[in-house]
Amino acid sequence: MTDTVTEVRLWYWGRISAMALTFFVFVHLAVIIYAVRGGLTGTEILERTHGNLAFGLFYAAFVLACTVHVPLGLARILRETLMSDRTANAVSALFALLLLVLGLRAVYGVVLA
């Protein structure tokens, strides 16, 4: 069992990351709607995103918010249903690393590659 201060910090980071994700999801959906209504093809979208630093920073921050938020919820679910605190924390930490690596790799592929 984790101590109260740790629980409060985890709660805080979960709420902050949720607020950030709300912003990122709304902007992401607006971009999708803009692209679809504009009739952009996948090639045209990649041409616009390639080398675009603002796009890369936005989606890198999106990935970081996901990397904070999702493992916190996953650890909570695992602790309450299947695993000990230690195992649940280890699994969620590995999942966070996976999210970070794959997410930043996708951003790199779309913006810089």
PDB file of N, CA and C in Angstrom:
ATOM      1  N   MET A   1       0.843  -1.188   0.000  1.00  0.00           N
ATOM      2  CA  MET A   1       0.000   0.000   0.000  1.00  0.00           C
ATOM      3  C   MET A   1       0.877   1.236   0.000  1.00  0.00           C
ATOM      4  N   THR A   2       0.533   2.213  -0.795  1.00  0.00           N
ATOM      5  CA  THR A   2       1.310   3.442  -0.860  1.00  0.00           C
ATOM      6  C   THR A   2       0.836   4.409   0.210  1.00  0.00           C
ATOM      7  N   ASP A   3       1.707   5.321   0.591  1.00  0.00           N
ATOM      8  CA  ASP A   3       1.344   6.280   1.637  1.00  0.00           C
ATOM      9  C   ASP A   3       0.431   7.378   1.091  1.00  0.00           C
ATOM     10  N   THR A   4      -0.135   8.142   1.982  1.00  0.00           N
ATOM     11  CA  THR A   4      -1.119   9.162   1.618  1.00  0.00           C
ATOM     12  C   THR A   4      -0.533  10.244   0.724  1.00  0.00           C
ATOM     13  N   VAL A   5       0.682  10.691   1.025  1.00  0.00           N
ATOM     14  CA  VAL A   5       1.309  11.749   0.222  1.00  0.00           C
ATOM     15  C   VAL A   5       1.502  11.267  -1.216  1.00  0.00           C
ATOM     16  N   THR A   6       1.939  10.050  -1.376  1.00  0.00           N
ATOM     17  CA  THR A   6       2.115   9.488  -2.724  1.00  0.00           C
ATOM     18  C   THR A   6       0.779   9.394  -3.451  1.00  0.00           C
ATOM     19  N   GLU A   7      -0.261   8.955  -2.757  1.00  0.00           N
ATOM     20  CA  GLU A   7      -1.585   8.870  -3.369  1.00  0.00           C
ATOM     21  C   GLU A   7      -2.084  10.235  -3.824  1.00  0.00           C
ATOM     22  N   VAL A   8      -1.855  11.252  -3.012  1.00  0.00           N
ATOM     23  CA  VAL A   8      -2.276  12.608  -3.376  1.00  0.00           C
ATOM     24  C   VAL A   8      -1.508  13.086  -4.604  1.00  0.00           C
ATOM     25  N   ARG A   9      -0.217  12.826  -4.647  1.00  0.00           N
ATOM     26  CA  ARG A   9       0.585  13.225  -5.811  1.00  0.00           C
ATOM     27  C   ARG A   9       0.125  12.503  -7.075  1.00  0.00           C
ATOM     28  N   LEU A  10      -0.150  11.217  -6.952  1.00  0.00           N
ATOM     29  CA  LEU A  10      -0.638  10.467  -8.112  1.00  0.00           C
ATOM     30  C   LEU A  10      -1.986  11.005  -8.579  1.00  0.00           C
ATOM     31  N   TRP A  11      -2.860  11.319  -7.632  1.00  0.00           N
ATOM     32  CA  TRP A  11      -4.156  11.910  -7.967  1.00  0.00           C
ATOM     33  C   TRP A  11      -3.959  13.234  -8.697  1.00  0.00           C
ATOM     34  N   TYR A  12      -3.060  14.059  -8.165  1.00  0.00           N
ATOM     35  CA  TYR A  12      -2.764  15.364  -8.766  1.00  0.00           C
ATOM     36  C   TYR A  12      -2.280  15.203 -10.202  1.00  0.00           C
ATOM     37  N   TRP A  13      -1.297  14.330 -10.432  1.00  0.00           N
ATOM     38  CA  TRP A  13      -0.758  14.137 -11.779  1.00  0.00           C
ATOM     39  C   TRP A  13      -1.793  13.538 -12.722  1.00  0.00           C
ATOM     40  N   GLY A  14      -2.660  12.689 -12.186  1.00  0.00           N
ATOM     41  CA  GLY A  14      -3.733  12.146 -13.014  1.00  0.00           C
ATOM     42  C   GLY A  14      -4.692  13.225 -13.479  1.00  0.00           C
ATOM     43  N   ARG A  15      -5.029  14.156 -12.582  1.00  0.00           N
ATOM     44  CA  ARG A  15      -5.951  15.236 -12.952  1.00  0.00           C
ATOM     45  C   ARG A  15      -5.301  16.239 -13.893  1.00  0.00           C
ATOM     46  N   ILE A  16      -4.064  16.607 -13.635  1.00  0.00           N
ATOM     47  CA  ILE A  16      -3.352  17.555 -14.505  1.00  0.00           C
ATOM     48  C   ILE A  16      -3.208  16.966 -15.911  1.00  0.00           C
ATOM     49  N   SER A  17      -2.804  15.688 -15.977  1.00  0.00           N
ATOM     50  CA  SER A  17      -2.644  15.065 -17.296  1.00  0.00           C
ATOM     51  C   SER A  17      -3.994  14.928 -18.000  1.00  0.00           C
ATOM     52  N   ALA A  18      -5.074  14.697 -17.254  1.00  0.00           N
ATOM     53  CA  ALA A  18      -6.408  14.616 -17.864  1.00  0.00           C
ATOM     54  C   ALA A  18      -6.804  15.963 -18.466  1.00  0.00           C
ATOM     55  N   MET A  19      -6.497  17.049 -17.763  1.00  0.00           N
ATOM     56  CA  MET A  19      -6.809  18.377 -18.301  1.00  0.00           C
ATOM     57  C   MET A  19      -6.012  18.645 -19.581  1.00  0.00           C
ATOM     58  N   ALA A  20      -4.739  18.269 -19.563  1.00  0.00           N
ATOM     59  CA  ALA A  20      -3.916  18.454 -20.764  1.00  0.00           C
ATOM     60  C   ALA A  20      -4.452  17.602 -21.909  1.00  0.00           C
ATOM     61  N   LEU A  21      -4.810  16.365 -21.606  1.00  0.00           N
ATOM     62  CA  LEU A  21      -5.324  15.480 -22.652  1.00  0.00           C
ATOM     63  C   LEU A  21      -6.629  16.003 -23.246  1.00  0.00           C
ATOM     64  N   THR A  22      -7.455  16.635 -22.437  1.00  0.00           N
ATOM     65  CA  THR A  22      -8.688  17.228 -22.961  1.00  0.00           C
ATOM     66  C   THR A  22      -8.364  18.241 -24.046  1.00  0.00           C
ATOM     67  N   PHE A  23      -7.419  19.112 -23.763  1.00  0.00           N
ATOM     68  CA  PHE A  23      -6.994  20.102 -24.751  1.00  0.00           C
ATOM     69  C   PHE A  23      -6.433  19.426 -25.993  1.00  0.00           C
ATOM     70  N   PHE A  24      -5.507  18.474 -25.806  1.00  0.00           N
ATOM     71  CA  PHE A  24      -4.876  17.813 -26.944  1.00  0.00           C
ATOM     72  C   PHE A  24      -5.884  17.066 -27.804  1.00  0.00           C
ATOM     73  N   VAL A  25      -6.838  16.385 -27.191  1.00  0.00           N
ATOM     74  CA  VAL A  25      -7.835  15.630 -27.956  1.00  0.00           C
ATOM     75  C   VAL A  25      -8.724  16.570 -28.772  1.00  0.00           C
ATOM     76  N   PHE A  26      -9.159  17.675 -28.175  1.00  0.00           N
ATOM     77  CA  PHE A  26      -9.998  18.615 -28.922  1.00  0.00           C
ATOM     78  C   PHE A  26      -9.246  19.219 -30.110  1.00  0.00           C
ATOM     79  N   VAL A  27      -8.003  19.602 -29.907  1.00  0.00           N
ATOM     80  CA  VAL A  27      -7.217  20.151 -31.019  1.00  0.00           C
ATOM     81  C   VAL A  27      -6.998  19.077 -32.081  1.00  0.00           C
ATOM     82  N   HIS A  28      -6.669  17.874 -31.645  1.00  0.00           N
ATOM     83  CA  HIS A  28      -6.440  16.767 -32.577  1.00  0.00           C
ATOM     84  C   HIS A  28      -7.700  16.501 -33.414  1.00  0.00           C
ATOM     85  N   LEU A  29      -8.857  16.468 -32.762  1.00  0.00           N
ATOM     86  CA  LEU A  29     -10.105  16.262 -33.498  1.00  0.00           C
ATOM     87  C   LEU A  29     -10.385  17.403 -34.471  1.00  0.00           C
ATOM     88  N   ALA A  30     -10.100  18.631 -34.064  1.00  0.00           N
ATOM     89  CA  ALA A  30     -10.287  19.779 -34.959  1.00  0.00           C
ATOM     90  C   ALA A  30      -9.387  19.657 -36.182  1.00  0.00           C
ATOM     91  N   VAL A  31      -8.156  19.209 -35.984  1.00  0.00           N
ATOM     92  CA  VAL A  31      -7.226  19.023 -37.110  1.00  0.00           C
ATOM     93  C   VAL A  31      -7.745  17.932 -38.049  1.00  0.00           C
ATOM     94  N   ILE A  32      -8.255  16.855 -37.475  1.00  0.00           N
ATOM     95  CA  ILE A  32      -8.801  15.772 -38.305  1.00  0.00           C
ATOM     96  C   ILE A  32      -9.990  16.277 -39.122  1.00  0.00           C
ATOM     97  N   ILE A  33     -10.893  17.001 -38.480  1.00  0.00           N
ATOM     98  CA  ILE A  33     -12.066  17.530 -39.184  1.00  0.00           C
ATOM     99  C   ILE A  33     -11.628  18.482 -40.297  1.00  0.00           C
ATOM    100  N   TYR A  34     -10.667  19.346 -39.997  1.00  0.00           N
ATOM    101  CA  TYR A  34     -10.143  20.274 -41.007  1.00  0.00           C
ATOM    102  C   TYR A  34      -9.556  19.513 -42.193  1.00  0.00           C
ATOM    103  N   ALA A  35      -8.772  18.484 -41.914  1.00  0.00           N
ATOM    104  CA  ALA A  35      -8.127  17.727 -42.989  1.00  0.00           C
ATOM    105  C   ALA A  35      -9.148  16.976 -43.830  1.00  0.00           C
ATOM    106  N   VAL A  36     -10.126  16.367 -43.194  1.00  0.00           N
ATOM    107  CA  VAL A  36     -11.129  15.592 -43.920  1.00  0.00           C
ATOM    108  C   VAL A  36     -12.019  16.507 -44.754  1.00  0.00           C
ATOM    109  N   ARG A  37     -12.460  17.608 -44.161  1.00  0.00           N
ATOM    110  CA  ARG A  37     -13.320  18.535 -44.902  1.00  0.00           C
ATOM    111  C   ARG A  37     -12.568  19.213 -46.037  1.00  0.00           C
ATOM    112  N   GLY A  38     -11.253  19.380 -45.857  1.00  0.00           N
ATOM    113  CA  GLY A  38     -10.451  19.983 -46.907  1.00  0.00           C
ATOM    114  C   GLY A  38     -10.088  19.008 -48.008  1.00  0.00           C
ATOM    115  N   GLY A  39     -10.423  17.732 -47.811  1.00  0.00           N
ATOM    116  CA  GLY A  39     -10.145  16.725 -48.827  1.00  0.00           C
ATOM    117  C   GLY A  39      -8.675  16.355 -48.941  1.00  0.00           C
ATOM    118  N   LEU A  40      -7.919  16.569 -47.872  1.00  0.00           N
ATOM    119  CA  LEU A  40      -6.488  16.252 -47.926  1.00  0.00           C
ATOM    120  C   LEU A  40      -6.262  14.747 -47.977  1.00  0.00           C
ATOM    121  N   THR A  41      -5.296  14.344 -48.760  1.00  0.00           N
ATOM    122  CA  THR A  41      -4.905  12.939 -48.808  1.00  0.00           C
ATOM    123  C   THR A  41      -3.840  12.689 -47.755  1.00  0.00           C
ATOM    124  N   GLY A  42      -3.545  11.441 -47.513  1.00  0.00           N
ATOM    125  CA  GLY A  42      -2.491  11.094 -46.564  1.00  0.00           C
ATOM    126  C   GLY A  42      -1.148  11.681 -46.973  1.00  0.00           C
ATOM    127  N   THR A  43      -0.864  11.657 -48.236  1.00  0.00           N
ATOM    128  CA  THR A  43       0.388  12.227 -48.743  1.00  0.00           C
ATOM    129  C   THR A  43       0.454  13.726 -48.492  1.00  0.00           C
ATOM    130  N   GLU A  44      -0.649  14.418 -48.734  1.00  0.00           N
ATOM    131  CA  GLU A  44      -0.671  15.868 -48.506  1.00  0.00           C
ATOM    132  C   GLU A  44      -0.516  16.204 -47.021  1.00  0.00           C
ATOM    133  N   ILE A  45      -1.117  15.393 -46.171  1.00  0.00           N
ATOM    134  CA  ILE A  45      -0.980  15.614 -44.730  1.00  0.00           C
ATOM    135  C   ILE A  45       0.473  15.436 -44.309  1.00  0.00           C
ATOM    136  N   LEU A  46       1.104  14.374 -44.780  1.00  0.00           N
ATOM    137  CA  LEU A  46       2.518  14.142 -44.431  1.00  0.00           C
ATOM    138  C   LEU A  46       3.420  15.238 -44.988  1.00  0.00           C
ATOM    139  N   GLU A  47       3.093  15.759 -46.158  1.00  0.00           N
ATOM    140  CA  GLU A  47       3.875  16.870 -46.710  1.00  0.00           C
ATOM    141  C   GLU A  47       3.777  18.102 -45.814  1.00  0.00           C
ATOM    142  N   ARG A  48       2.591  18.345 -45.263  1.00  0.00           N
ATOM    143  CA  ARG A  48       2.401  19.510 -44.385  1.00  0.00           C
ATOM    144  C   ARG A  48       3.050  19.322 -43.023  1.00  0.00           C
ATOM    145  N   THR A  49       3.095  18.095 -42.542  1.00  0.00           N
ATOM    146  CA  THR A  49       3.654  17.867 -41.204  1.00  0.00           C
ATOM    147  C   THR A  49       5.170  17.710 -41.225  1.00  0.00           C
ATOM    148  N   HIS A  50       5.728  17.314 -42.351  1.00  0.00           N
ATOM    149  CA  HIS A  50       7.171  17.077 -42.414  1.00  0.00           C
ATOM    150  C   HIS A  50       7.929  18.370 -42.151  1.00  0.00           C
ATOM    151  N   GLY A  51       8.777  18.337 -41.140  1.00  0.00           N
ATOM    152  CA  GLY A  51       9.595  19.487 -40.804  1.00  0.00           C
ATOM    153  C   GLY A  51       8.866  20.565 -40.014  1.00  0.00           C
ATOM    154  N   ASN A  52       7.605  20.339 -39.652  1.00  0.00           N
ATOM    155  CA  ASN A  52       6.817  21.333 -38.930  1.00  0.00           C
ATOM    156  C   ASN A  52       7.088  21.184 -37.423  1.00  0.00           C
ATOM    157  N   LEU A  53       7.898  22.090 -36.884  1.00  0.00           N
ATOM    158  CA  LEU A  53       8.299  22.016 -35.480  1.00  0.00           C
ATOM    159  C   LEU A  53       7.102  22.162 -34.544  1.00  0.00           C
ATOM    160  N   ALA A  54       6.177  23.054 -34.843  1.00  0.00           N
ATOM    161  CA  ALA A  54       5.002  23.251 -33.986  1.00  0.00           C
ATOM    162  C   ALA A  54       4.172  21.968 -33.901  1.00  0.00           C
ATOM    163  N   PHE A  55       3.976  21.321 -35.032  1.00  0.00           N
ATOM    164  CA  PHE A  55       3.245  20.059 -35.061  1.00  0.00           C
ATOM    165  C   PHE A  55       3.966  19.016 -34.210  1.00  0.00           C
ATOM    166  N   GLY A  56       5.265  18.917 -34.393  1.00  0.00           N
ATOM    167  CA  GLY A  56       6.048  17.943 -33.637  1.00  0.00           C
ATOM    168  C   GLY A  56       6.006  18.190 -32.142  1.00  0.00           C
ATOM    169  N   LEU A  57       6.125  19.449 -31.724  1.00  0.00           N
ATOM    170  CA  LEU A  57       6.079  19.772 -30.294  1.00  0.00           C
ATOM    171  C   LEU A  57       4.695  19.501 -29.709  1.00  0.00           C
ATOM    172  N   PHE A  58       3.660  19.844 -30.464  1.00  0.00           N
ATOM    173  CA  PHE A  58       2.301  19.583 -29.998  1.00  0.00           C
ATOM    174  C   PHE A  58       2.090  18.090 -29.749  1.00  0.00           C
ATOM    175  N   TYR A  59       2.426  17.273 -30.732  1.00  0.00           N
ATOM    176  CA  TYR A  59       2.187  15.836 -30.590  1.00  0.00           C
ATOM    177  C   TYR A  59       3.169  15.172 -29.626  1.00  0.00           C
ATOM    178  N   ALA A  60       4.359  15.707 -29.465  1.00  0.00           N
ATOM    179  CA  ALA A  60       5.266  15.191 -28.437  1.00  0.00           C
ATOM    180  C   ALA A  60       4.688  15.464 -27.047  1.00  0.00           C
ATOM    181  N   ALA A  61       4.124  16.641 -26.847  1.00  0.00           N
ATOM    182  CA  ALA A  61       3.482  16.952 -25.566  1.00  0.00           C
ATOM    183  C   ALA A  61       2.247  16.065 -25.361  1.00  0.00           C
ATOM    184  N   PHE A  62       1.525  15.780 -26.421  1.00  0.00           N
ATOM    185  CA  PHE A  62       0.377  14.874 -26.358  1.00  0.00           C
ATOM    186  C   PHE A  62       0.840  13.496 -25.875  1.00  0.00           C
ATOM    187  N   VAL A  63       1.920  13.012 -26.455  1.00  0.00           N
ATOM    188  CA  VAL A  63       2.478  11.718 -26.058  1.00  0.00           C
ATOM    189  C   VAL A  63       2.894  11.743 -24.587  1.00  0.00           C
ATOM    190  N   LEU A  64       3.529  12.809 -24.151  1.00  0.00           N
ATOM    191  CA  LEU A  64       3.949  12.905 -22.745  1.00  0.00           C
ATOM    192  C   LEU A  64       2.750  12.896 -21.800  1.00  0.00           C
ATOM    193  N   ALA A  65       1.692  13.589 -22.163  1.00  0.00           N
ATOM    194  CA  ALA A  65       0.485  13.585 -21.327  1.00  0.00           C
ATOM    195  C   ALA A  65      -0.111  12.180 -21.243  1.00  0.00           C
ATOM    196  N   CYS A  66      -0.130  11.469 -22.354  1.00  0.00           N
ATOM    197  CA  CYS A  66      -0.607  10.080 -22.354  1.00  0.00           C
ATOM    198  C   CYS A  66       0.285   9.192 -21.499  1.00  0.00           C
ATOM    199  N   THR A  67       1.591   9.439 -21.585  1.00  0.00           N
ATOM    200  CA  THR A  67       2.557   8.644 -20.844  1.00  0.00           C
ATOM    201  C   THR A  67       2.399   8.829 -19.338  1.00  0.00           C
ATOM    202  N   VAL A  68       1.916   9.971 -18.918  1.00  0.00           N
ATOM    203  CA  VAL A  68       1.650  10.202 -17.496  1.00  0.00           C
ATOM    204  C   VAL A  68       0.289   9.625 -17.111  1.00  0.00           C
ATOM    205  N   HIS A  69      -0.732   9.920 -17.890  1.00  0.00           N
ATOM    206  CA  HIS A  69      -2.107   9.611 -17.509  1.00  0.00           C
ATOM    207  C   HIS A  69      -2.448   8.115 -17.568  1.00  0.00           C
ATOM    208  N   VAL A  70      -2.165   7.491 -18.663  1.00  0.00           N
ATOM    209  CA  VAL A  70      -2.614   6.109 -18.878  1.00  0.00           C
ATOM    210  C   VAL A  70      -2.014   5.128 -17.864  1.00  0.00           C
ATOM    211  N   PRO A  71      -0.707   5.162 -17.600  1.00  0.00           N
ATOM    212  CA  PRO A  71      -0.164   4.210 -16.632  1.00  0.00           C
ATOM    213  C   PRO A  71      -0.697   4.394 -15.208  1.00  0.00           C
ATOM    214  N   LEU A  72      -1.078   5.617 -14.850  1.00  0.00           N
ATOM    215  CA  LEU A  72      -1.665   5.826 -13.524  1.00  0.00           C
ATOM    216  C   LEU A  72      -2.984   5.061 -13.403  1.00  0.00           C
ATOM    217  N   GLY A  73      -3.828   5.176 -14.401  1.00  0.00           N
ATOM    218  CA  GLY A  73      -5.089   4.441 -14.396  1.00  0.00           C
ATOM    219  C   GLY A  73      -4.880   2.938 -14.494  1.00  0.00           C
ATOM    220  N   LEU A  74      -3.943   2.528 -15.329  1.00  0.00           N
ATOM    221  CA  LEU A  74      -3.649   1.104 -15.471  1.00  0.00           C
ATOM    222  C   LEU A  74      -3.171   0.512 -14.154  1.00  0.00           C
ATOM    223  N   ALA A  75      -2.284   1.200 -13.472  1.00  0.00           N
ATOM    224  CA  ALA A  75      -1.769   0.705 -12.186  1.00  0.00           C
ATOM    225  C   ALA A  75      -2.909   0.570 -11.175  1.00  0.00           C
ATOM    226  N   ARG A  76      -3.804   1.558 -11.154  1.00  0.00           N
ATOM    227  CA  ARG A  76      -4.949   1.510 -10.228  1.00  0.00           C
ATOM    228  C   ARG A  76      -5.818   0.291 -10.519  1.00  0.00           C
ATOM    229  N   ILE A  77      -6.121   0.062 -11.792  1.00  0.00           N
ATOM    230  CA  ILE A  77      -6.963  -1.084 -12.168  1.00  0.00           C
ATOM    231  C   ILE A  77      -6.275  -2.388 -11.797  1.00  0.00           C
ATOM    232  N   LEU A  78      -4.988  -2.510 -12.109  1.00  0.00           N
ATOM    233  CA  LEU A  78      -4.260  -3.744 -11.809  1.00  0.00           C
ATOM    234  C   LEU A  78      -4.179  -3.998 -10.309  1.00  0.00           C
ATOM    235  N   ARG A  79      -3.959  -2.945  -9.522  1.00  0.00           N
ATOM    236  CA  ARG A  79      -3.888  -3.101  -8.065  1.00  0.00           C
ATOM    237  C   ARG A  79      -5.231  -3.549  -7.493  1.00  0.00           C
ATOM    238  N   GLU A  80      -6.314  -3.049  -8.053  1.00  0.00           N
ATOM    239  CA  GLU A  80      -7.636  -3.362  -7.514  1.00  0.00           C
ATOM    240  C   GLU A  80      -8.175  -4.710  -7.984  1.00  0.00           C
ATOM    241  N   THR A  81      -7.625  -5.253  -9.059  1.00  0.00           N
ATOM    242  CA  THR A  81      -8.205  -6.481  -9.603  1.00  0.00           C
ATOM    243  C   THR A  81      -7.268  -7.681  -9.616  1.00  0.00           C
ATOM    244  N   LEU A  82      -6.036  -7.497 -10.000  1.00  0.00           N
ATOM    245  CA  LEU A  82      -5.217  -8.666 -10.298  1.00  0.00           C
ATOM    246  C   LEU A  82      -3.917  -8.813  -9.515  1.00  0.00           C
ATOM    247  N   MET A  83      -3.267  -7.719  -9.181  1.00  0.00           N
ATOM    248  CA  MET A  83      -1.858  -7.793  -8.784  1.00  0.00           C
ATOM    249  C   MET A  83      -1.569  -7.071  -7.480  1.00  0.00           C
ATOM    250  N   SER A  84      -0.410  -7.388  -6.968  1.00  0.00           N
ATOM    251  CA  SER A  84       0.089  -6.651  -5.811  1.00  0.00           C
ATOM    252  C   SER A  84       0.506  -5.248  -6.260  1.00  0.00           C
ATOM    253  N   ASP A  85       0.672  -4.346  -5.303  1.00  0.00           N
ATOM    254  CA  ASP A  85       1.082  -2.970  -5.629  1.00  0.00           C
ATOM    255  C   ASP A  85       2.379  -2.962  -6.415  1.00  0.00           C
ATOM    256  N   ARG A  86       3.331  -3.722  -5.967  1.00  0.00           N
ATOM    257  CA  ARG A  86       4.655  -3.722  -6.608  1.00  0.00           C
ATOM    258  C   ARG A  86       4.590  -4.207  -8.053  1.00  0.00           C
ATOM    259  N   THR A  87       3.885  -5.295  -8.278  1.00  0.00           N
ATOM    260  CA  THR A  87       3.764  -5.835  -9.638  1.00  0.00           C
ATOM    261  C   THR A  87       2.980  -4.884 -10.531  1.00  0.00           C
ATOM    262  N   ALA A  88       1.886  -4.346 -10.013  1.00  0.00           N
ATOM    263  CA  ALA A  88       1.075  -3.412 -10.794  1.00  0.00           C
ATOM    264  C   ALA A  88       1.885  -2.177 -11.177  1.00  0.00           C
ATOM    265  N   ASN A  89       2.671  -1.665 -10.243  1.00  0.00           N
ATOM    266  CA  ASN A  89       3.499  -0.496 -10.537  1.00  0.00           C
ATOM    267  C   ASN A  89       4.565  -0.813 -11.578  1.00  0.00           C
ATOM    268  N   ALA A  90       5.142  -2.007 -11.497  1.00  0.00           N
ATOM    269  CA  ALA A  90       6.167  -2.403 -12.471  1.00  0.00           C
ATOM    270  C   ALA A  90       5.558  -2.544 -13.870  1.00  0.00           C
ATOM    271  N   VAL A  91       4.400  -3.183 -13.954  1.00  0.00           N
ATOM    272  CA  VAL A  91       3.730  -3.363 -15.249  1.00  0.00           C
ATOM    273  C   VAL A  91       3.356  -2.005 -15.841  1.00  0.00           C
ATOM    274  N   SER A  92       2.815  -1.123 -15.010  1.00  0.00           N
ATOM    275  CA  SER A  92       2.410   0.189 -15.529  1.00  0.00           C
ATOM    276  C   SER A  92       3.625   1.024 -15.917  1.00  0.00           C
ATOM    277  N   ALA A  93       4.736   0.884 -15.208  1.00  0.00           N
ATOM    278  CA  ALA A  93       5.959   1.612 -15.578  1.00  0.00           C
ATOM    279  C   ALA A  93       6.487   1.119 -16.928  1.00  0.00           C
ATOM    280  N   LEU A  94       6.455  -0.180 -17.136  1.00  0.00           N
ATOM    281  CA  LEU A  94       6.881  -0.719 -18.438  1.00  0.00           C
ATOM    282  C   LEU A  94       5.941  -0.258 -19.550  1.00  0.00           C
ATOM    283  N   PHE A  95       4.651  -0.206 -19.251  1.00  0.00           N
ATOM    284  CA  PHE A  95       3.692   0.272 -20.239  1.00  0.00           C
ATOM    285  C   PHE A  95       3.931   1.745 -20.552  1.00  0.00           C
ATOM    286  N   ALA A  96       4.263   2.533 -19.522  1.00  0.00           N
ATOM    287  CA  ALA A  96       4.571   3.952 -19.732  1.00  0.00           C
ATOM    288  C   ALA A  96       5.775   4.102 -20.659  1.00  0.00           C
ATOM    289  N   LEU A  97       6.792   3.297 -20.429  1.00  0.00           N
ATOM    290  CA  LEU A  97       7.976   3.341 -21.284  1.00  0.00           C
ATOM    291  C   LEU A  97       7.618   2.966 -22.723  1.00  0.00           C
ATOM    292  N   LEU A  98       6.789   1.952 -22.880  1.00  0.00           N
ATOM    293  CA  LEU A  98       6.343   1.538 -24.212  1.00  0.00           C
ATOM    294  C   LEU A  98       5.571   2.665 -24.908  1.00  0.00           C
ATOM    295  N   LEU A  99       4.645   3.287 -24.183  1.00  0.00           N
ATOM    296  CA  LEU A  99       3.899   4.419 -24.746  1.00  0.00           C
ATOM    297  C   LEU A  99       4.825   5.546 -25.169  1.00  0.00           C
ATOM    298  N   LEU A 100       5.780   5.869 -24.321  1.00  0.00           N
ATOM    299  CA  LEU A 100       6.707   6.963 -24.607  1.00  0.00           C
ATOM    300  C   LEU A 100       7.532   6.670 -25.855  1.00  0.00           C
ATOM    301  N   VAL A 101       8.119   5.495 -25.908  1.00  0.00           N
ATOM    302  CA  VAL A 101       8.983   5.144 -27.038  1.00  0.00           C
ATOM    303  C   VAL A 101       8.193   5.081 -28.345  1.00  0.00           C
ATOM    304  N   LEU A 102       7.072   4.373 -28.331  1.00  0.00           N
ATOM    305  CA  LEU A 102       6.283   4.245 -29.567  1.00  0.00           C
ATOM    306  C   LEU A 102       5.669   5.574 -29.987  1.00  0.00           C
ATOM    307  N   GLY A 103       5.196   6.351 -29.019  1.00  0.00           N
ATOM    308  CA  GLY A 103       4.592   7.638 -29.344  1.00  0.00           C
ATOM    309  C   GLY A 103       5.592   8.618 -29.924  1.00  0.00           C
ATOM    310  N   LEU A 104       6.748   8.733 -29.287  1.00  0.00           N
ATOM    311  CA  LEU A 104       7.759   9.666 -29.798  1.00  0.00           C
ATOM    312  C   LEU A 104       8.339   9.172 -31.123  1.00  0.00           C
ATOM    313  N   ARG A 105       8.381   7.857 -31.291  1.00  0.00           N
ATOM    314  CA  ARG A 105       8.839   7.322 -32.570  1.00  0.00           C
ATOM    315  C   ARG A 105       7.860   7.678 -33.684  1.00  0.00           C
ATOM    316  N   ALA A 106       6.575   7.631 -33.385  1.00  0.00           N
ATOM    317  CA  ALA A 106       5.557   8.018 -34.379  1.00  0.00           C
ATOM    318  C   ALA A 106       5.680   9.501 -34.719  1.00  0.00           C
ATOM    319  N   VAL A 107       5.858  10.335 -33.701  1.00  0.00           N
ATOM    320  CA  VAL A 107       6.025  11.776 -33.945  1.00  0.00           C
ATOM    321  C   VAL A 107       7.256  12.000 -34.813  1.00  0.00           C
ATOM    322  N   TYR A 108       8.339  11.342 -34.487  1.00  0.00           N
ATOM    323  CA  TYR A 108       9.571  11.470 -35.278  1.00  0.00           C
ATOM    324  C   TYR A 108       9.310  11.041 -36.725  1.00  0.00           C
ATOM    325  N   GLY A 109       8.618   9.933 -36.893  1.00  0.00           N
ATOM    326  CA  GLY A 109       8.346   9.424 -38.244  1.00  0.00           C
ATOM    327  C   GLY A 109       7.504  10.377 -39.078  1.00  0.00           C
ATOM    328  N   VAL A 110       6.546  11.040 -38.454  1.00  0.00           N
ATOM    329  CA  VAL A 110       5.654  11.931 -39.186  1.00  0.00           C
ATOM    330  C   VAL A 110       6.299  13.291 -39.426  1.00  0.00           C
ATOM    331  N   VAL A 111       7.100  13.757 -38.477  1.00  0.00           N
ATOM    332  CA  VAL A 111       7.647  15.126 -38.573  1.00  0.00           C
ATOM    333  C   VAL A 111       9.038  15.154 -39.189  1.00  0.00           C
ATOM    334  N   LEU A 112       9.899  14.231 -38.828  1.00  0.00           N
ATOM    335  CA  LEU A 112      11.305  14.355 -39.219  1.00  0.00           C
ATOM    336  C   LEU A 112      11.797  13.322 -40.236  1.00  0.00           C
ATOM    337  N   ALA A 113      11.165  12.182 -40.296  1.00  0.00           N
ATOM    338  CA  ALA A 113      11.686  11.132 -41.175  1.00  0.00           C
ATOM    339  C   ALA A 113      11.296  11.349 -42.621  1.00  0.00           C
TER     340      ALA A 113
END
